[in-house]
Amino acid sequence: MKEPLVSIIIPFYNTENHLHKCLDSSISQTYKNTEILLIDDGSTDDSSKIASEFSRTHSNCYLERTENKGPGNARNIGLSMSKGELIVFIDSDDHMEPFMVQKMVKALVGSRATIVLCGFRLFNKEKSEISSKAWGCKEHIISGKRAIEAMYTGKIPVTVWAKIFRRDCLEDLKFPTGMIYEDRPFMLAAFSQSEEVHYLDEVLLNVQKRAYSLTRSPLSDKKIKDLTDIYLLETSLALRLQLKSVIPFIRLYHLSWLRRSFFTLQKQEKKIPATTSIRPVLLDHINQFSCENFSKLPIKAKFLLCVLRLPKRIGWKNTRKLMNMLYPAQSL
């Protein structure tokens, strides 16, 4: 029986320090029926040169260049180029274990699964391992709808990496472009088209802690706007997919990111005082969310939202003190 072709899609932008290791891990897979699709998202460092040399050296590697529009656009280009029956997404600062694709394919083929997830190691910039929980469900086989609920309750990572997809569940799907957090609506749609989602309890991917994650890089007006735009996109998509029952999970997930944004802003103001200008932007988005959703939230979430809206009444300093008492693990 012929092995299915696996398309490994690797978008990259200015990751010259990590790209070699990522590409070496993709070409060194024990599973050989692969195509490696490199999408240069307008890099200005030596990443382009590294990828160009790699594509010249390896016949199953293809390079496509595009202007810088973000990973969503680059992944869409990779999907449109891909010919594989199975799809794997890898970020260019991550690297796979040599047997990752082989084990993921084996777990997928011959089962009813549409998507298979694996475990991963998370590293910080000092290359120290950070413990990470890849799967929080009791069962290793769940329905697509259950996977959506698990994704929005922190039991499944909201990422496209550490997964392998049957092409069937990705037909007509596209990532949103020009914004961050683009994995979320894509995974919502992919899980909605999945009969079963399986978990392979093996650590097969090594992930670099993102420098651009919300909790590690400066908050900005755009990040706050993107959070709201993605949330609105997710809720409208859930309605379109006739998944009204998952909207409460999406709503609470968004509220948790508004809370994280509050603490991120608090921490960065200590280092970058000028970012106090972001306060009214964040508060506007909190108020917008509250006006539209307050009555639909459980009591605990209502209380959190009331506290997040307090800066207009008691000031940011007093609100910070209250939030630090309520969530000491996230406080300074």
C-alpha atoms as a PDB file:
ATOM      1  CA  MET A   1       0.000   0.000   0.000  1.00  0.00           C
ATOM      2  CA  LYS A   2       1.383   3.379  -1.035  1.00  0.00           C
ATOM      3  CA  GLU A   3       2.203   5.752   1.788  1.00  0.00           C
ATOM      4  CA  PRO A   4       0.152   8.994   1.670  1.00  0.00           C
ATOM      5  CA  LEU A   5       1.969  12.170   0.713  1.00  0.00           C
ATOM      6  CA  VAL A   6       2.421  14.537   3.664  1.00  0.00           C
ATOM      7  CA  SER A   7       2.713  18.273   3.001  1.00  0.00           C
ATOM      8  CA  ILE A   8       4.833  20.011   5.639  1.00  0.00           C
ATOM      9  CA  ILE A   9       4.033  23.726   5.511  1.00  0.00           C
ATOM     10  CA  ILE A  10       6.643  26.060   7.047  1.00  0.00           C
ATOM     11  CA  PRO A  11       5.991  29.822   6.903  1.00  0.00           C
ATOM     12  CA  PHE A  12       8.934  31.955   8.004  1.00  0.00           C
ATOM     13  CA  TYR A  13       9.810  35.570   8.648  1.00  0.00           C
ATOM     14  CA  ASN A  14      13.246  36.665   9.898  1.00  0.00           C
ATOM     15  CA  THR A  15      14.038  33.474  11.821  1.00  0.00           C
ATOM     16  CA  GLU A  16      17.595  32.956  10.590  1.00  0.00           C
ATOM     17  CA  ASN A  17      18.738  31.764  14.015  1.00  0.00           C
ATOM     18  CA  HIS A  18      16.262  28.877  14.082  1.00  0.00           C
ATOM     19  CA  LEU A  19      15.446  28.073  10.464  1.00  0.00           C
ATOM     20  CA  HIS A  20      18.390  25.711   9.847  1.00  0.00           C
ATOM     21  CA  LYS A  21      17.327  23.460  12.709  1.00  0.00           C
ATOM     22  CA  CYS A  22      13.689  23.496  11.617  1.00  0.00           C
ATOM     23  CA  LEU A  23      14.542  22.600   8.023  1.00  0.00           C
ATOM     24  CA  ASP A  24      17.022  19.913   9.044  1.00  0.00           C
ATOM     25  CA  SER A  25      14.356  18.308  11.205  1.00  0.00           C
ATOM     26  CA  SER A  26      11.878  18.309   8.323  1.00  0.00           C
ATOM     27  CA  ILE A  27      14.235  16.691   5.784  1.00  0.00           C
ATOM     28  CA  SER A  28      15.518  14.160   8.343  1.00  0.00           C
ATOM     29  CA  GLN A  29      12.114  12.624   9.009  1.00  0.00           C
ATOM     30  CA  THR A  30      12.029   8.827   8.983  1.00  0.00           C
ATOM     31  CA  TYR A  31       8.839   9.131   6.925  1.00  0.00           C
ATOM     32  CA  LYS A  32      10.062   9.981   3.431  1.00  0.00           C
ATOM     33  CA  ASN A  33       6.957  10.617   1.308  1.00  0.00           C
ATOM     34  CA  THR A  34       6.826  14.309   2.083  1.00  0.00           C
ATOM     35  CA  GLU A  35       6.852  17.653   0.352  1.00  0.00           C
ATOM     36  CA  ILE A  36       8.276  20.600   2.270  1.00  0.00           C
ATOM     37  CA  LEU A  37       6.684  23.932   1.406  1.00  0.00           C
ATOM     38  CA  LEU A  38       8.647  26.978   2.552  1.00  0.00           C
ATOM     39  CA  ILE A  39       6.748  30.262   2.476  1.00  0.00           C
ATOM     40  CA  ASP A  40       8.969  33.322   2.859  1.00  0.00           C
ATOM     41  CA  ASP A  41       6.758  36.010   4.412  1.00  0.00           C
ATOM     42  CA  GLY A  42       8.922  38.897   3.215  1.00  0.00           C
ATOM     43  CA  SER A  43      12.039  38.161   5.308  1.00  0.00           C
ATOM     44  CA  THR A  44      14.742  40.816   5.428  1.00  0.00           C
ATOM     45  CA  ASP A  45      17.463  38.775   7.172  1.00  0.00           C
ATOM     46  CA  ASP A  46      19.342  35.686   5.937  1.00  0.00           C
ATOM     47  CA  SER A  47      16.286  33.442   6.250  1.00  0.00           C
ATOM     48  CA  SER A  48      15.607  33.786   2.513  1.00  0.00           C
ATOM     49  CA  LYS A  49      19.136  32.716   1.652  1.00  0.00           C
ATOM     50  CA  ILE A  50      18.933  29.698   3.986  1.00  0.00           C
ATOM     51  CA  ALA A  51      15.602  28.583   2.528  1.00  0.00           C
ATOM     52  CA  SER A  52      16.768  29.128  -1.056  1.00  0.00           C
ATOM     53  CA  GLU A  53      19.838  26.950  -0.540  1.00  0.00           C
ATOM     54  CA  PHE A  54      17.733  24.297   1.148  1.00  0.00           C
ATOM     55  CA  SER A  55      15.226  24.170  -1.722  1.00  0.00           C
ATOM     56  CA  ARG A  56      18.042  23.873  -4.276  1.00  0.00           C
ATOM     57  CA  THR A  57      19.586  20.987  -2.357  1.00  0.00           C
ATOM     58  CA  HIS A  58      16.431  18.935  -1.726  1.00  0.00           C
ATOM     59  CA  SER A  59      14.138  17.902  -4.574  1.00  0.00           C
ATOM     60  CA  ASN A  60      11.036  17.611  -2.367  1.00  0.00           C
ATOM     61  CA  CYS A  61      11.403  21.141  -1.035  1.00  0.00           C
ATOM     62  CA  TYR A  62       9.686  24.130  -2.656  1.00  0.00           C
ATOM     63  CA  LEU A  63      10.138  27.813  -1.860  1.00  0.00           C
ATOM     64  CA  GLU A  64       7.562  30.543  -2.434  1.00  0.00           C
ATOM     65  CA  ARG A  65       8.143  34.206  -1.626  1.00  0.00           C
ATOM     66  CA  THR A  66       5.457  36.726  -0.727  1.00  0.00           C
ATOM     67  CA  GLU A  67       5.278  40.205   0.765  1.00  0.00           C
ATOM     68  CA  ASN A  68       5.026  40.430   4.522  1.00  0.00           C
ATOM     69  CA  LYS A  69       1.371  39.853   5.406  1.00  0.00           C
ATOM     70  CA  GLY A  70       1.739  37.582   8.411  1.00  0.00           C
ATOM     71  CA  PRO A  71       1.623  33.819   9.041  1.00  0.00           C
ATOM     72  CA  GLY A  72      -2.056  33.504   8.139  1.00  0.00           C
ATOM     73  CA  ASN A  73      -1.447  34.600   4.565  1.00  0.00           C
ATOM     74  CA  ALA A  74       1.729  32.498   4.313  1.00  0.00           C
ATOM     75  CA  ARG A  75      -0.068  29.371   5.513  1.00  0.00           C
ATOM     76  CA  ASN A  76      -2.876  30.003   3.020  1.00  0.00           C
ATOM     77  CA  ILE A  77      -0.291  30.094   0.235  1.00  0.00           C
ATOM     78  CA  GLY A  78       1.202  26.847   1.555  1.00  0.00           C
ATOM     79  CA  LEU A  79      -2.205  25.178   1.586  1.00  0.00           C
ATOM     80  CA  SER A  80      -2.921  26.274  -1.982  1.00  0.00           C
ATOM     81  CA  MET A  81       0.455  24.848  -3.108  1.00  0.00           C
ATOM     82  CA  SER A  82       0.135  21.582  -1.189  1.00  0.00           C
ATOM     83  CA  LYS A  83      -0.616  18.270  -2.896  1.00  0.00           C
ATOM     84  CA  GLY A  84      -0.533  15.991   0.130  1.00  0.00           C
ATOM     85  CA  GLU A  85      -3.385  13.899   1.454  1.00  0.00           C
ATOM     86  CA  LEU A  86      -2.173  14.854   4.931  1.00  0.00           C
ATOM     87  CA  ILE A  87      -1.069  18.277   6.191  1.00  0.00           C
ATOM     88  CA  VAL A  88       1.403  19.292   8.910  1.00  0.00           C
ATOM     89  CA  PHE A  89       2.097  22.902   9.933  1.00  0.00           C
ATOM     90  CA  ILE A  90       5.425  23.763  11.566  1.00  0.00           C
ATOM     91  CA  ASP A  91       6.585  27.173  12.747  1.00  0.00           C
ATOM     92  CA  SER A  92      10.078  28.062  11.564  1.00  0.00           C
ATOM     93  CA  ASP A  93      11.558  28.407  15.049  1.00  0.00           C
ATOM     94  CA  ASP A  94      10.402  24.916  16.069  1.00  0.00           C
ATOM     95  CA  HIS A  95      11.838  21.517  15.195  1.00  0.00           C
ATOM     96  CA  MET A  96      10.420  18.008  14.965  1.00  0.00           C
ATOM     97  CA  GLU A  97      11.687  14.774  16.404  1.00  0.00           C
ATOM     98  CA  PRO A  98      12.947  12.540  13.526  1.00  0.00           C
ATOM     99  CA  PHE A  99      10.002  10.134  13.818  1.00  0.00           C
ATOM    100  CA  MET A 100       7.260  12.739  14.315  1.00  0.00           C
ATOM    101  CA  VAL A 101       5.633  12.495  10.890  1.00  0.00           C
ATOM    102  CA  GLN A 102       5.898   8.700  10.767  1.00  0.00           C
ATOM    103  CA  LYS A 103       4.212   8.256  14.142  1.00  0.00           C
ATOM    104  CA  MET A 104       1.548  10.861  13.387  1.00  0.00           C
ATOM    105  CA  VAL A 105       0.725   9.255  10.036  1.00  0.00           C
ATOM    106  CA  LYS A 106       0.507   5.825  11.656  1.00  0.00           C
ATOM    107  CA  ALA A 107      -1.872   7.164  14.299  1.00  0.00           C
ATOM    108  CA  LEU A 108      -4.074   8.780  11.640  1.00  0.00           C
ATOM    109  CA  VAL A 109      -4.159   6.213   8.850  1.00  0.00           C
ATOM    110  CA  GLY A 110      -6.409   3.265   9.581  1.00  0.00           C
ATOM    111  CA  SER A 111      -8.359   5.157  12.232  1.00  0.00           C
ATOM    112  CA  ARG A 112     -11.511   7.265  12.049  1.00  0.00           C
ATOM    113  CA  ALA A 113      -9.563  10.307  13.168  1.00  0.00           C
ATOM    114  CA  THR A 114      -9.522  13.429  11.041  1.00  0.00           C
ATOM    115  CA  ILE A 115      -6.973  15.227  13.223  1.00  0.00           C
ATOM    116  CA  VAL A 116      -4.288  13.746  15.491  1.00  0.00           C
ATOM    117  CA  LEU A 117      -2.484  15.776  18.156  1.00  0.00           C
ATOM    118  CA  CYS A 118       0.848  14.985  19.790  1.00  0.00           C
ATOM    119  CA  GLY A 119       2.736  16.195  22.837  1.00  0.00           C
ATOM    120  CA  PHE A 120       5.389  18.910  22.668  1.00  0.00           C
ATOM    121  CA  ARG A 121       8.202  20.440  24.689  1.00  0.00           C
ATOM    122  CA  LEU A 122       8.211  24.184  25.214  1.00  0.00           C
ATOM    123  CA  PHE A 123      11.521  26.050  25.482  1.00  0.00           C
ATOM    124  CA  ASN A 124      12.305  29.627  26.423  1.00  0.00           C
ATOM    125  CA  LYS A 125      14.878  31.831  24.687  1.00  0.00           C
ATOM    126  CA  GLU A 126      17.586  30.511  27.019  1.00  0.00           C
ATOM    127  CA  LYS A 127      16.766  27.013  25.672  1.00  0.00           C
ATOM    128  CA  SER A 128      15.573  25.872  29.069  1.00  0.00           C
ATOM    129  CA  GLU A 129      12.650  23.481  28.935  1.00  0.00           C
ATOM    130  CA  ILE A 130       9.327  24.742  30.252  1.00  0.00           C
ATOM    131  CA  SER A 131       6.869  22.034  31.204  1.00  0.00           C
ATOM    132  CA  SER A 132       3.795  22.075  28.991  1.00  0.00           C
ATOM    133  CA  LYS A 133       0.541  20.166  29.034  1.00  0.00           C
ATOM    134  CA  ALA A 134      -0.577  19.210  25.547  1.00  0.00           C
ATOM    135  CA  TRP A 135      -3.799  17.351  26.324  1.00  0.00           C
ATOM    136  CA  GLY A 136      -6.158  17.791  29.239  1.00  0.00           C
ATOM    137  CA  CYS A 137      -8.997  15.441  28.271  1.00  0.00           C
ATOM    138  CA  LYS A 138      -9.457  12.135  30.098  1.00  0.00           C
ATOM    139  CA  GLU A 139     -10.095  10.273  26.847  1.00  0.00           C
ATOM    140  CA  HIS A 140      -7.592  10.034  23.989  1.00  0.00           C
ATOM    141  CA  ILE A 141     -10.394   9.931  21.389  1.00  0.00           C
ATOM    142  CA  ILE A 142     -13.039  12.655  21.320  1.00  0.00           C
ATOM    143  CA  SER A 143     -15.514  14.129  18.853  1.00  0.00           C
ATOM    144  CA  GLY A 144     -14.795  17.256  16.851  1.00  0.00           C
ATOM    145  CA  LYS A 145     -17.368  19.232  18.837  1.00  0.00           C
ATOM    146  CA  ARG A 146     -15.847  18.075  22.109  1.00  0.00           C
ATOM    147  CA  ALA A 147     -12.443  19.139  20.772  1.00  0.00           C
ATOM    148  CA  ILE A 148     -13.785  22.661  20.194  1.00  0.00           C
ATOM    149  CA  GLU A 149     -15.009  22.853  23.786  1.00  0.00           C
ATOM    150  CA  ALA A 150     -11.661  21.459  25.002  1.00  0.00           C
ATOM    151  CA  MET A 151      -9.793  24.056  22.951  1.00  0.00           C
ATOM    152  CA  TYR A 152     -11.670  26.937  24.567  1.00  0.00           C
ATOM    153  CA  THR A 153     -11.264  25.528  28.078  1.00  0.00           C
ATOM    154  CA  GLY A 154      -7.487  25.102  27.840  1.00  0.00           C
ATOM    155  CA  LYS A 155      -7.428  21.319  27.445  1.00  0.00           C
ATOM    156  CA  ILE A 156      -6.169  21.377  23.844  1.00  0.00           C
ATOM    157  CA  PRO A 157      -3.612  23.914  22.544  1.00  0.00           C
ATOM    158  CA  VAL A 158      -5.160  26.553  20.270  1.00  0.00           C
ATOM    159  CA  THR A 159      -2.484  26.080  17.605  1.00  0.00           C
ATOM    160  CA  VAL A 160      -2.134  24.394  14.219  1.00  0.00           C
ATOM    161  CA  TRP A 161       1.256  22.940  15.120  1.00  0.00           C
ATOM    162  CA  ALA A 162       1.640  19.613  16.999  1.00  0.00           C
ATOM    163  CA  LYS A 163      -1.151  18.266  14.792  1.00  0.00           C
ATOM    164  CA  ILE A 164      -1.627  16.337  11.561  1.00  0.00           C
ATOM    165  CA  PHE A 165      -4.736  16.891   9.434  1.00  0.00           C
ATOM    166  CA  ARG A 166      -6.526  14.912   6.783  1.00  0.00           C
ATOM    167  CA  ARG A 167      -6.868  17.218   3.823  1.00  0.00           C
ATOM    168  CA  ASP A 168     -10.632  16.543   3.741  1.00  0.00           C
ATOM    169  CA  CYS A 169     -11.233  18.541   6.929  1.00  0.00           C
ATOM    170  CA  LEU A 170      -9.367  21.566   5.553  1.00  0.00           C
ATOM    171  CA  GLU A 171     -11.230  21.895   2.257  1.00  0.00           C
ATOM    172  CA  ASP A 172     -12.153  25.537   1.619  1.00  0.00           C
ATOM    173  CA  LEU A 173     -10.641  26.643   4.944  1.00  0.00           C
ATOM    174  CA  LYS A 174      -8.433  29.717   5.120  1.00  0.00           C
ATOM    175  CA  PHE A 175      -6.605  31.528   7.875  1.00  0.00           C
ATOM    176  CA  PRO A 176      -7.605  35.128   8.583  1.00  0.00           C
ATOM    177  CA  THR A 177      -4.905  37.478   7.359  1.00  0.00           C
ATOM    178  CA  GLY A 178      -3.416  40.680   8.705  1.00  0.00           C
ATOM    179  CA  MET A 179      -4.030  39.789  12.350  1.00  0.00           C
ATOM    180  CA  ILE A 180      -2.586  37.645  15.123  1.00  0.00           C
ATOM    181  CA  TYR A 181      -4.360  34.746  16.883  1.00  0.00           C
ATOM    182  CA  GLU A 182      -5.250  33.450  13.410  1.00  0.00           C
ATOM    183  CA  ASP A 183      -5.046  29.788  14.531  1.00  0.00           C
ATOM    184  CA  ARG A 184      -8.232  30.025  16.578  1.00  0.00           C
ATOM    185  CA  PRO A 185     -10.971  30.385  13.919  1.00  0.00           C
ATOM    186  CA  PHE A 186      -9.071  27.993  11.646  1.00  0.00           C
ATOM    187  CA  MET A 187      -9.001  25.284  14.320  1.00  0.00           C
ATOM    188  CA  LEU A 188     -12.653  25.942  15.180  1.00  0.00           C
ATOM    189  CA  ALA A 189     -13.603  25.247  11.561  1.00  0.00           C
ATOM    190  CA  ALA A 190     -11.257  22.257  11.226  1.00  0.00           C
ATOM    191  CA  PHE A 191     -12.541  20.573  14.388  1.00  0.00           C
ATOM    192  CA  SER A 192     -16.134  21.214  13.275  1.00  0.00           C
ATOM    193  CA  GLN A 193     -15.442  19.083  10.185  1.00  0.00           C
ATOM    194  CA  SER A 194     -13.829  16.274  12.202  1.00  0.00           C
ATOM    195  CA  GLU A 195     -15.631  13.071  13.107  1.00  0.00           C
ATOM    196  CA  GLU A 196     -12.972  12.121  15.621  1.00  0.00           C
ATOM    197  CA  VAL A 197      -9.884  13.791  17.115  1.00  0.00           C
ATOM    198  CA  HIS A 198      -7.176  11.526  18.562  1.00  0.00           C
ATOM    199  CA  TYR A 199      -4.266  12.217  20.887  1.00  0.00           C
ATOM    200  CA  LEU A 200      -0.909  10.483  20.482  1.00  0.00           C
ATOM    201  CA  ASP A 201       0.679  10.548  23.931  1.00  0.00           C
ATOM    202  CA  GLU A 202       4.247  11.126  22.780  1.00  0.00           C
ATOM    203  CA  VAL A 203       6.372  14.281  22.764  1.00  0.00           C
ATOM    204  CA  LEU A 204       7.237  14.766  19.093  1.00  0.00           C
ATOM    205  CA  LEU A 205       7.685  18.522  18.657  1.00  0.00           C
ATOM    206  CA  ASN A 206      10.041  21.060  20.229  1.00  0.00           C
ATOM    207  CA  VAL A 207       8.507  24.522  20.430  1.00  0.00           C
ATOM    208  CA  GLN A 208      10.280  27.816  20.997  1.00  0.00           C
ATOM    209  CA  LYS A 209       8.400  30.106  23.374  1.00  0.00           C
ATOM    210  CA  ARG A 210       7.152  32.844  21.064  1.00  0.00           C
ATOM    211  CA  ALA A 211       8.692  36.257  21.518  1.00  0.00           C
ATOM    212  CA  TYR A 212       5.423  37.706  20.187  1.00  0.00           C
ATOM    213  CA  SER A 213       3.072  35.948  22.592  1.00  0.00           C
ATOM    214  CA  LEU A 214       0.640  38.305  24.323  1.00  0.00           C
ATOM    215  CA  THR A 215       2.126  37.747  27.767  1.00  0.00           C
ATOM    216  CA  ARG A 216       5.761  38.198  26.697  1.00  0.00           C
ATOM    217  CA  SER A 217       5.769  41.111  24.263  1.00  0.00           C
ATOM    218  CA  PRO A 218       4.396  44.644  24.528  1.00  0.00           C
ATOM    219  CA  LEU A 219       0.666  45.000  24.283  1.00  0.00           C
ATOM    220  CA  SER A 220      -0.470  47.364  21.551  1.00  0.00           C
ATOM    221  CA  ASP A 221      -3.634  48.932  20.188  1.00  0.00           C
ATOM    222  CA  LYS A 222      -3.515  46.443  17.305  1.00  0.00           C
ATOM    223  CA  LYS A 223      -3.194  43.409  19.568  1.00  0.00           C
ATOM    224  CA  ILE A 224      -6.250  44.463  21.530  1.00  0.00           C
ATOM    225  CA  LYS A 225      -8.196  45.108  18.323  1.00  0.00           C
ATOM    226  CA  ASP A 226      -7.104  41.752  16.911  1.00  0.00           C
ATOM    227  CA  LEU A 227      -8.283  39.996  20.065  1.00  0.00           C
ATOM    228  CA  THR A 228     -11.757  41.482  19.617  1.00  0.00           C
ATOM    229  CA  ASP A 229     -11.843  40.933  15.857  1.00  0.00           C
ATOM    230  CA  ILE A 230     -10.846  37.277  16.225  1.00  0.00           C
ATOM    231  CA  TYR A 231     -13.459  36.799  18.951  1.00  0.00           C
ATOM    232  CA  LEU A 232     -16.177  38.289  16.723  1.00  0.00           C
ATOM    233  CA  LEU A 233     -14.985  36.126  13.839  1.00  0.00           C
ATOM    234  CA  GLU A 234     -15.165  33.016  16.022  1.00  0.00           C
ATOM    235  CA  THR A 235     -18.679  33.716  17.265  1.00  0.00           C
ATOM    236  CA  SER A 236     -20.019  34.447  13.779  1.00  0.00           C
ATOM    237  CA  LEU A 237     -18.283  31.309  12.462  1.00  0.00           C
ATOM    238  CA  ALA A 238     -19.800  29.187  15.239  1.00  0.00           C
ATOM    239  CA  LEU A 239     -23.273  30.434  14.290  1.00  0.00           C
ATOM    240  CA  ARG A 240     -22.641  29.737  10.626  1.00  0.00           C
ATOM    241  CA  LEU A 241     -21.469  26.206  11.466  1.00  0.00           C
ATOM    242  CA  GLN A 242     -24.591  25.689  13.613  1.00  0.00           C
ATOM    243  CA  LEU A 243     -22.462  25.389  16.751  1.00  0.00           C
ATOM    244  CA  LYS A 244     -24.369  27.830  18.928  1.00  0.00           C
ATOM    245  CA  SER A 245     -23.668  25.680  21.993  1.00  0.00           C
ATOM    246  CA  VAL A 246     -19.922  26.447  21.857  1.00  0.00           C
ATOM    247  CA  ILE A 247     -20.385  30.234  21.926  1.00  0.00           C
ATOM    248  CA  PRO A 248     -20.451  30.360  25.765  1.00  0.00           C
ATOM    249  CA  PHE A 249     -17.021  28.667  25.750  1.00  0.00           C
ATOM    250  CA  ILE A 250     -15.708  31.204  23.205  1.00  0.00           C
ATOM    251  CA  ARG A 251     -17.143  34.047  25.273  1.00  0.00           C
ATOM    252  CA  LEU A 252     -15.381  32.926  28.464  1.00  0.00           C
ATOM    253  CA  TYR A 253     -12.160  32.291  26.567  1.00  0.00           C
ATOM    254  CA  HIS A 254     -12.180  35.856  25.246  1.00  0.00           C
ATOM    255  CA  LEU A 255     -12.840  37.210  28.734  1.00  0.00           C
ATOM    256  CA  SER A 256      -9.798  35.292  29.992  1.00  0.00           C
ATOM    257  CA  TRP A 257      -7.673  37.063  27.346  1.00  0.00           C
ATOM    258  CA  LEU A 258      -9.036  40.452  28.383  1.00  0.00           C
ATOM    259  CA  ARG A 259      -7.938  39.584  31.925  1.00  0.00           C
ATOM    260  CA  ARG A 260      -4.485  38.538  30.675  1.00  0.00           C
ATOM    261  CA  SER A 261      -4.252  41.766  28.698  1.00  0.00           C
ATOM    262  CA  PHE A 262      -4.923  43.744  31.880  1.00  0.00           C
ATOM    263  CA  PHE A 263      -1.997  42.053  33.644  1.00  0.00           C
ATOM    264  CA  THR A 264       0.253  42.289  30.583  1.00  0.00           C
ATOM    265  CA  LEU A 265      -0.349  46.037  30.434  1.00  0.00           C
ATOM    266  CA  GLN A 266       0.302  46.367  34.157  1.00  0.00           C
ATOM    267  CA  LYS A 267       3.674  44.649  33.819  1.00  0.00           C
ATOM    268  CA  GLN A 268       4.803  46.484  30.715  1.00  0.00           C
ATOM    269  CA  GLU A 269       3.966  49.921  32.145  1.00  0.00           C
ATOM    270  CA  LYS A 270       6.761  49.324  34.667  1.00  0.00           C
ATOM    271  CA  LYS A 271       9.241  49.056  31.769  1.00  0.00           C
ATOM    272  CA  ILE A 272       7.578  51.253  29.154  1.00  0.00           C
ATOM    273  CA  PRO A 273       5.670  54.072  30.927  1.00  0.00           C
ATOM    274  CA  ALA A 274       4.476  55.527  27.619  1.00  0.00           C
ATOM    275  CA  THR A 275       2.236  52.525  27.077  1.00  0.00           C
ATOM    276  CA  THR A 276      -0.266  53.956  29.559  1.00  0.00           C
ATOM    277  CA  SER A 277      -1.838  55.364  26.364  1.00  0.00           C
ATOM    278  CA  ILE A 278      -3.164  51.847  25.710  1.00  0.00           C
ATOM    279  CA  ARG A 279      -5.349  51.941  28.830  1.00  0.00           C
ATOM    280  CA  PRO A 280      -8.397  53.611  27.215  1.00  0.00           C
ATOM    281  CA  VAL A 281      -8.165  51.268  24.212  1.00  0.00           C
ATOM    282  CA  LEU A 282      -8.269  48.194  26.436  1.00  0.00           C
ATOM    283  CA  LEU A 283     -11.052  49.667  28.541  1.00  0.00           C
ATOM    284  CA  ASP A 284     -13.116  50.442  25.426  1.00  0.00           C
ATOM    285  CA  HIS A 285     -12.872  46.813  24.315  1.00  0.00           C
ATOM    286  CA  ILE A 286     -13.741  45.566  27.807  1.00  0.00           C
ATOM    287  CA  ASN A 287     -16.799  47.861  27.885  1.00  0.00           C
ATOM    288  CA  GLN A 288     -17.839  46.791  24.395  1.00  0.00           C
ATOM    289  CA  PHE A 289     -17.661  43.131  25.409  1.00  0.00           C
ATOM    290  CA  SER A 290     -19.558  43.857  28.626  1.00  0.00           C
ATOM    291  CA  CYS A 291     -22.398  45.707  26.901  1.00  0.00           C
ATOM    292  CA  GLU A 292     -22.945  42.835  24.491  1.00  0.00           C
ATOM    293  CA  ASN A 293     -22.428  39.868  26.805  1.00  0.00           C
ATOM    294  CA  PHE A 294     -22.829  40.715  30.507  1.00  0.00           C
ATOM    295  CA  SER A 295     -26.266  39.109  30.903  1.00  0.00           C
ATOM    296  CA  LYS A 296     -25.062  35.916  29.191  1.00  0.00           C
ATOM    297  CA  LEU A 297     -22.160  35.256  31.572  1.00  0.00           C
ATOM    298  CA  PRO A 298     -22.049  33.103  34.721  1.00  0.00           C
ATOM    299  CA  ILE A 299     -21.812  34.953  38.041  1.00  0.00           C
ATOM    300  CA  LYS A 300     -18.049  34.537  38.507  1.00  0.00           C
ATOM    301  CA  ALA A 301     -17.377  35.923  35.012  1.00  0.00           C
ATOM    302  CA  LYS A 302     -19.765  38.823  35.633  1.00  0.00           C
ATOM    303  CA  PHE A 303     -17.820  39.712  38.765  1.00  0.00           C
ATOM    304  CA  LEU A 304     -14.511  39.679  36.848  1.00  0.00           C
ATOM    305  CA  LEU A 305     -15.978  41.892  34.136  1.00  0.00           C
ATOM    306  CA  CYS A 306     -17.275  44.346  36.752  1.00  0.00           C
ATOM    307  CA  VAL A 307     -13.777  44.592  38.226  1.00  0.00           C
ATOM    308  CA  LEU A 308     -12.173  45.064  34.798  1.00  0.00           C
ATOM    309  CA  ARG A 309     -14.514  48.006  34.192  1.00  0.00           C
ATOM    310  CA  LEU A 310     -13.622  49.728  37.482  1.00  0.00           C
ATOM    311  CA  PRO A 311     -10.756  52.005  36.284  1.00  0.00           C
ATOM    312  CA  LYS A 312     -13.263  54.677  35.228  1.00  0.00           C
ATOM    313  CA  ARG A 313     -14.684  54.757  38.748  1.00  0.00           C
ATOM    314  CA  ILE A 314     -11.829  54.041  41.133  1.00  0.00           C
ATOM    315  CA  GLY A 315      -8.808  54.570  38.867  1.00  0.00           C
ATOM    316  CA  TRP A 316      -6.258  52.152  37.426  1.00  0.00           C
ATOM    317  CA  LYS A 317      -4.097  52.034  40.555  1.00  0.00           C
ATOM    318  CA  ASN A 318      -6.920  50.833  42.819  1.00  0.00           C
ATOM    319  CA  THR A 319      -8.218  48.427  40.173  1.00  0.00           C
ATOM    320  CA  ARG A 320      -4.733  46.921  39.862  1.00  0.00           C
ATOM    321  CA  LYS A 321      -4.596  46.355  43.597  1.00  0.00           C
ATOM    322  CA  LEU A 322      -7.941  44.572  43.516  1.00  0.00           C
ATOM    323  CA  MET A 323      -6.990  42.437  40.505  1.00  0.00           C
ATOM    324  CA  ASN A 324      -3.695  41.504  42.168  1.00  0.00           C
ATOM    325  CA  MET A 325      -5.608  40.304  45.219  1.00  0.00           C
ATOM    326  CA  LEU A 326      -8.042  38.284  43.092  1.00  0.00           C
ATOM    327  CA  TYR A 327      -5.383  36.769  40.806  1.00  0.00           C
ATOM    328  CA  PRO A 328      -2.087  36.723  42.772  1.00  0.00           C
ATOM    329  CA  ALA A 329      -0.498  34.212  40.387  1.00  0.00           C
ATOM    330  CA  GLN A 330      -0.716  36.762  37.564  1.00  0.00           C
ATOM    331  CA  SER A 331       0.190  39.851  39.577  1.00  0.00           C
ATOM    332  CA  LEU A 332       3.573  41.565  39.695  1.00  0.00           C
END
